[in-house]
Structure formats: C-alpha cells, structure tokens
Amino acid sequence: MEKTGQPYQPEVPELPENPIKQKITSKLLEAYKRDLKETSERIAAYVGKIRDKYPDYENYQSYHFLAGSSPTEKPVLTDFFSPDSVEEFIETL
C-alpha cells in the first residue's frame, strides 16, 4: 500500500435494494403526489390499526417501510397476511 498521508478509507460495497421496499416506496411517492393529505391520513389510520392488532408489528419489514420507522432489531417477518398486508394496502392508495 502506498503511503499518501491520507487515512485509509476502505471501499464500502453497495447493498442491493430490497424489492419490497422499492415497491412500497414507489407506490407511496405516487400516492403522495396525487394527494398528500389524504395519503398521510390513510397511512396513519392503517398504521394505528396494525399497532392495535399486532403486538409484534415491529417484527415486520413492510411495517417499517410504510411507517418510515427504524426497527430496534432486525425485522424477521416480511409482511402481514391478507387483509392486513402492507403490499395490498398500498395498492389501494
């Protein structure tokens, strides 16, 4: 390694984007562009329903993608079953 006087900065590989996150984010952006207020209200109501119904909601990736939250631990589940599926919900926005 050549000494340049600069601190060593290793290359950090880019992680592949999660396809579920991409889908949810894309649909949310479309919905927000159409009607920001209504979309925000519907998401807030849906998130509240999920929190009430599923005590383990923080274990679901799709919940965090929709709510824009950060999990305290790595989510182990992808999405809720129908009719509570986040992927199904975003199709209605």
Foldseek 3Di string as FASTA:
>chain_A
DDDDVDDDDDDDDDDDDDPLLVLLVVLLVVVCVVPVVVSVVVLVVLLVVCVVPDVVVLLEPLSCSSVVHDRPDHRDHHADDPPSGSSNVSVVD
